[in-house]
Amino acid sequence: MDQIMYVLPSVAVSMVVQFFLAVAAFFLVRLSLKWLDRIIGFDFKDWISNADHMAVSHYLSYRILAVCILVGLIVSGSL
């Protein structure tokens, strides 16, 4: 039991840090995608108003997923 109590604070701090890093990375991904859309002049409001709802949801979710995987590869050093 003493070993668990010795390791528990560092495990808790590590979990909190990893959670905040994941949240920060997600918001960084969202900001970078908005910035890239602004650079190429892509207007989501116009596209969303004329597109099918299912197509819009698939496009946005796959785009965020792809960038999150890319950021995960970069952070882990696999890329």
N, C-alpha and C. Protein backbone atom coordinates (compact mmCIF):
# COMPACT_ATOMS: atom_id res chain seq x y z
N MET A 1 0.81 -1.19 0.00
CA MET A 1 0.00 0.00 0.00
C MET A 1 0.86 1.26 0.00
N ASP A 2 2.01 1.18 0.62
CA ASP A 2 2.90 2.34 0.67
C ASP A 2 3.41 2.71 -0.72
N GLN A 3 3.62 1.71 -1.57
CA GLN A 3 4.10 1.99 -2.92
C GLN A 3 3.05 2.73 -3.74
N ILE A 4 1.79 2.36 -3.56
CA ILE A 4 0.72 3.03 -4.29
C ILE A 4 0.62 4.48 -3.85
N MET A 5 0.69 4.74 -2.58
CA MET A 5 0.60 6.10 -2.07
C MET A 5 1.81 6.93 -2.49
N TYR A 6 2.95 6.27 -2.72
CA TYR A 6 4.15 6.97 -3.15
C TYR A 6 4.03 7.41 -4.62
N VAL A 7 3.40 6.59 -5.45
CA VAL A 7 3.30 6.85 -6.89
C VAL A 7 2.05 7.66 -7.24
N LEU A 8 1.03 7.61 -6.43
CA LEU A 8 -0.26 8.23 -6.74
C LEU A 8 -0.18 9.72 -7.07
N PRO A 9 0.55 10.56 -6.33
CA PRO A 9 0.59 11.98 -6.69
C PRO A 9 1.18 12.24 -8.07
N SER A 10 2.24 11.54 -8.41
CA SER A 10 2.84 11.76 -9.73
C SER A 10 1.94 11.27 -10.85
N VAL A 11 1.21 10.20 -10.62
CA VAL A 11 0.27 9.69 -11.63
C VAL A 11 -0.87 10.68 -11.82
N ALA A 12 -1.38 11.24 -10.73
CA ALA A 12 -2.47 12.21 -10.82
C ALA A 12 -2.03 13.47 -11.56
N VAL A 13 -0.87 13.97 -11.25
CA VAL A 13 -0.35 15.17 -11.93
C VAL A 13 -0.13 14.87 -13.41
N SER A 14 0.39 13.72 -13.72
CA SER A 14 0.63 13.34 -15.11
C SER A 14 -0.69 13.27 -15.89
N MET A 15 -1.72 12.72 -15.28
CA MET A 15 -3.01 12.64 -15.95
C MET A 15 -3.60 14.02 -16.21
N VAL A 16 -3.48 14.91 -15.25
CA VAL A 16 -4.00 16.27 -15.42
C VAL A 16 -3.24 17.00 -16.51
N VAL A 17 -1.93 16.87 -16.53
CA VAL A 17 -1.11 17.52 -17.55
C VAL A 17 -1.46 16.98 -18.93
N GLN A 18 -1.61 15.67 -19.06
CA GLN A 18 -1.97 15.08 -20.35
C GLN A 18 -3.34 15.55 -20.82
N PHE A 19 -4.28 15.69 -19.90
CA PHE A 19 -5.61 16.18 -20.26
C PHE A 19 -5.53 17.61 -20.79
N PHE A 20 -4.81 18.47 -20.09
CA PHE A 20 -4.69 19.86 -20.55
C PHE A 20 -3.93 19.96 -21.87
N LEU A 21 -2.95 19.11 -22.07
CA LEU A 21 -2.25 19.09 -23.36
C LEU A 21 -3.17 18.66 -24.48
N ALA A 22 -4.03 17.68 -24.22
CA ALA A 22 -4.98 17.24 -25.25
C ALA A 22 -5.98 18.33 -25.59
N VAL A 23 -6.48 19.02 -24.59
CA VAL A 23 -7.44 20.11 -24.82
C VAL A 23 -6.77 21.25 -25.58
N ALA A 24 -5.55 21.60 -25.18
CA ALA A 24 -4.83 22.67 -25.87
C ALA A 24 -4.53 22.29 -27.32
N ALA A 25 -4.17 21.04 -27.55
CA ALA A 25 -3.89 20.59 -28.92
C ALA A 25 -5.15 20.63 -29.77
N PHE A 26 -6.29 20.26 -29.20
CA PHE A 26 -7.55 20.30 -29.96
C PHE A 26 -7.89 21.73 -30.35
N PHE A 27 -7.76 22.68 -29.42
CA PHE A 27 -8.06 24.06 -29.76
C PHE A 27 -7.05 24.64 -30.74
N LEU A 28 -5.81 24.22 -30.65
CA LEU A 28 -4.80 24.65 -31.62
C LEU A 28 -5.13 24.13 -33.02
N VAL A 29 -5.62 22.91 -33.09
CA VAL A 29 -6.04 22.34 -34.37
C VAL A 29 -7.21 23.12 -34.95
N ARG A 30 -8.19 23.44 -34.12
CA ARG A 30 -9.35 24.21 -34.59
C ARG A 30 -8.92 25.59 -35.11
N LEU A 31 -8.05 26.25 -34.37
CA LEU A 31 -7.58 27.57 -34.81
C LEU A 31 -6.78 27.50 -36.10
N SER A 32 -5.95 26.47 -36.23
CA SER A 32 -5.15 26.35 -37.45
C SER A 32 -6.04 26.05 -38.66
N LEU A 33 -7.10 25.25 -38.47
CA LEU A 33 -8.01 24.97 -39.58
C LEU A 33 -8.77 26.23 -40.00
N LYS A 34 -9.19 27.03 -39.03
CA LYS A 34 -9.87 28.29 -39.37
C LYS A 34 -8.91 29.23 -40.10
N TRP A 35 -7.68 29.26 -39.65
CA TRP A 35 -6.67 30.12 -40.28
C TRP A 35 -6.41 29.68 -41.72
N LEU A 36 -6.28 28.38 -41.95
CA LEU A 36 -6.05 27.87 -43.30
C LEU A 36 -7.24 28.16 -44.22
N ASP A 37 -8.46 28.05 -43.68
CA ASP A 37 -9.64 28.38 -44.49
C ASP A 37 -9.65 29.85 -44.87
N ARG A 38 -9.23 30.70 -43.95
CA ARG A 38 -9.19 32.13 -44.24
C ARG A 38 -8.13 32.44 -45.30
N ILE A 39 -7.00 31.75 -45.27
CA ILE A 39 -5.93 31.98 -46.24
C ILE A 39 -6.38 31.64 -47.66
N ILE A 40 -7.06 30.50 -47.82
CA ILE A 40 -7.46 30.09 -49.17
C ILE A 40 -8.77 30.74 -49.61
N GLY A 41 -9.39 31.49 -48.71
CA GLY A 41 -10.62 32.18 -49.08
C GLY A 41 -11.84 31.29 -49.12
N PHE A 42 -11.83 30.21 -48.37
CA PHE A 42 -12.97 29.29 -48.34
C PHE A 42 -14.00 29.80 -47.35
N ASP A 43 -15.23 30.02 -47.82
CA ASP A 43 -16.29 30.56 -46.98
C ASP A 43 -17.22 29.43 -46.56
N PHE A 44 -17.15 29.05 -45.28
CA PHE A 44 -17.98 27.96 -44.79
C PHE A 44 -19.45 28.33 -44.77
N LYS A 45 -19.78 29.57 -44.46
CA LYS A 45 -21.19 29.96 -44.37
C LYS A 45 -21.91 29.74 -45.69
N ASP A 46 -21.25 30.10 -46.77
CA ASP A 46 -21.85 29.90 -48.09
C ASP A 46 -21.96 28.42 -48.43
N TRP A 47 -20.92 27.67 -48.13
CA TRP A 47 -20.90 26.24 -48.45
C TRP A 47 -21.91 25.48 -47.60
N ILE A 48 -21.98 25.79 -46.32
CA ILE A 48 -22.89 25.08 -45.42
C ILE A 48 -24.34 25.35 -45.78
N SER A 49 -24.64 26.58 -46.19
CA SER A 49 -26.03 26.90 -46.51
C SER A 49 -26.51 26.17 -47.77
N ASN A 50 -25.59 25.77 -48.65
CA ASN A 50 -25.98 25.10 -49.89
C ASN A 50 -25.71 23.59 -49.89
N ALA A 51 -25.05 23.07 -48.89
CA ALA A 51 -24.67 21.65 -48.89
C ALA A 51 -25.64 20.82 -48.05
N ASP A 52 -25.61 19.52 -48.31
CA ASP A 52 -26.40 18.57 -47.53
C ASP A 52 -25.83 18.49 -46.12
N HIS A 53 -26.70 18.35 -45.13
CA HIS A 53 -26.24 18.34 -43.74
C HIS A 53 -25.32 17.16 -43.44
N MET A 54 -25.59 16.03 -44.02
CA MET A 54 -24.74 14.86 -43.77
C MET A 54 -23.36 15.05 -44.39
N ALA A 55 -23.31 15.65 -45.57
CA ALA A 55 -22.01 15.91 -46.21
C ALA A 55 -21.19 16.89 -45.39
N VAL A 56 -21.84 17.89 -44.86
CA VAL A 56 -21.13 18.88 -44.04
C VAL A 56 -20.58 18.23 -42.78
N SER A 57 -21.39 17.43 -42.11
CA SER A 57 -20.92 16.80 -40.87
C SER A 57 -19.78 15.82 -41.13
N HIS A 58 -19.86 15.07 -42.22
CA HIS A 58 -18.75 14.17 -42.55
C HIS A 58 -17.48 14.93 -42.87
N TYR A 59 -17.59 15.97 -43.65
CA TYR A 59 -16.41 16.73 -44.03
C TYR A 59 -15.72 17.35 -42.82
N LEU A 60 -16.49 17.99 -41.97
CA LEU A 60 -15.89 18.66 -40.82
C LEU A 60 -15.29 17.66 -39.83
N SER A 61 -15.97 16.55 -39.59
CA SER A 61 -15.44 15.58 -38.64
C SER A 61 -14.19 14.88 -39.18
N TYR A 62 -14.18 14.55 -40.46
CA TYR A 62 -12.99 13.91 -41.03
C TYR A 62 -11.81 14.87 -41.09
N ARG A 63 -12.09 16.12 -41.32
CA ARG A 63 -11.02 17.12 -41.38
C ARG A 63 -10.37 17.29 -40.01
N ILE A 64 -11.19 17.39 -38.98
CA ILE A 64 -10.64 17.52 -37.63
C ILE A 64 -9.91 16.25 -37.23
N LEU A 65 -10.45 15.09 -37.57
CA LEU A 65 -9.80 13.82 -37.25
C LEU A 65 -8.43 13.71 -37.92
N ALA A 66 -8.36 14.10 -39.19
CA ALA A 66 -7.09 14.01 -39.92
C ALA A 66 -6.04 14.92 -39.32
N VAL A 67 -6.42 16.12 -38.96
CA VAL A 67 -5.44 17.04 -38.38
C VAL A 67 -5.03 16.59 -36.98
N CYS A 68 -5.96 16.04 -36.21
CA CYS A 68 -5.61 15.52 -34.88
C CYS A 68 -4.64 14.36 -34.98
N ILE A 69 -4.84 13.48 -35.95
CA ILE A 69 -3.90 12.38 -36.15
C ILE A 69 -2.53 12.91 -36.55
N LEU A 70 -2.51 13.90 -37.41
CA LEU A 70 -1.24 14.49 -37.82
C LEU A 70 -0.51 15.13 -36.64
N VAL A 71 -1.23 15.88 -35.83
CA VAL A 71 -0.62 16.50 -34.65
C VAL A 71 -0.14 15.42 -33.68
N GLY A 72 -0.91 14.36 -33.51
CA GLY A 72 -0.49 13.27 -32.64
C GLY A 72 0.80 12.61 -33.12
N LEU A 73 0.92 12.42 -34.42
CA LEU A 73 2.15 11.85 -34.98
C LEU A 73 3.33 12.78 -34.78
N ILE A 74 3.10 14.07 -34.94
CA ILE A 74 4.18 15.04 -34.76
C ILE A 74 4.62 15.06 -33.29
N VAL A 75 3.66 15.11 -32.38
CA VAL A 75 3.98 15.18 -30.95
C VAL A 75 4.68 13.91 -30.48
N SER A 76 4.27 12.76 -30.99
CA SER A 76 4.88 11.51 -30.54
C SER A 76 6.23 11.24 -31.18
N GLY A 77 6.57 12.01 -32.20
CA GLY A 77 7.87 11.84 -32.84
C GLY A 77 7.86 10.75 -33.91
N SER A 78 6.69 10.29 -34.30
CA SER A 78 6.60 9.24 -35.31
C SER A 78 6.68 9.76 -36.74
N LEU A 79 6.56 11.04 -36.89
CA LEU A 79 6.57 11.62 -38.24
C LEU A 79 7.86 12.35 -38.50
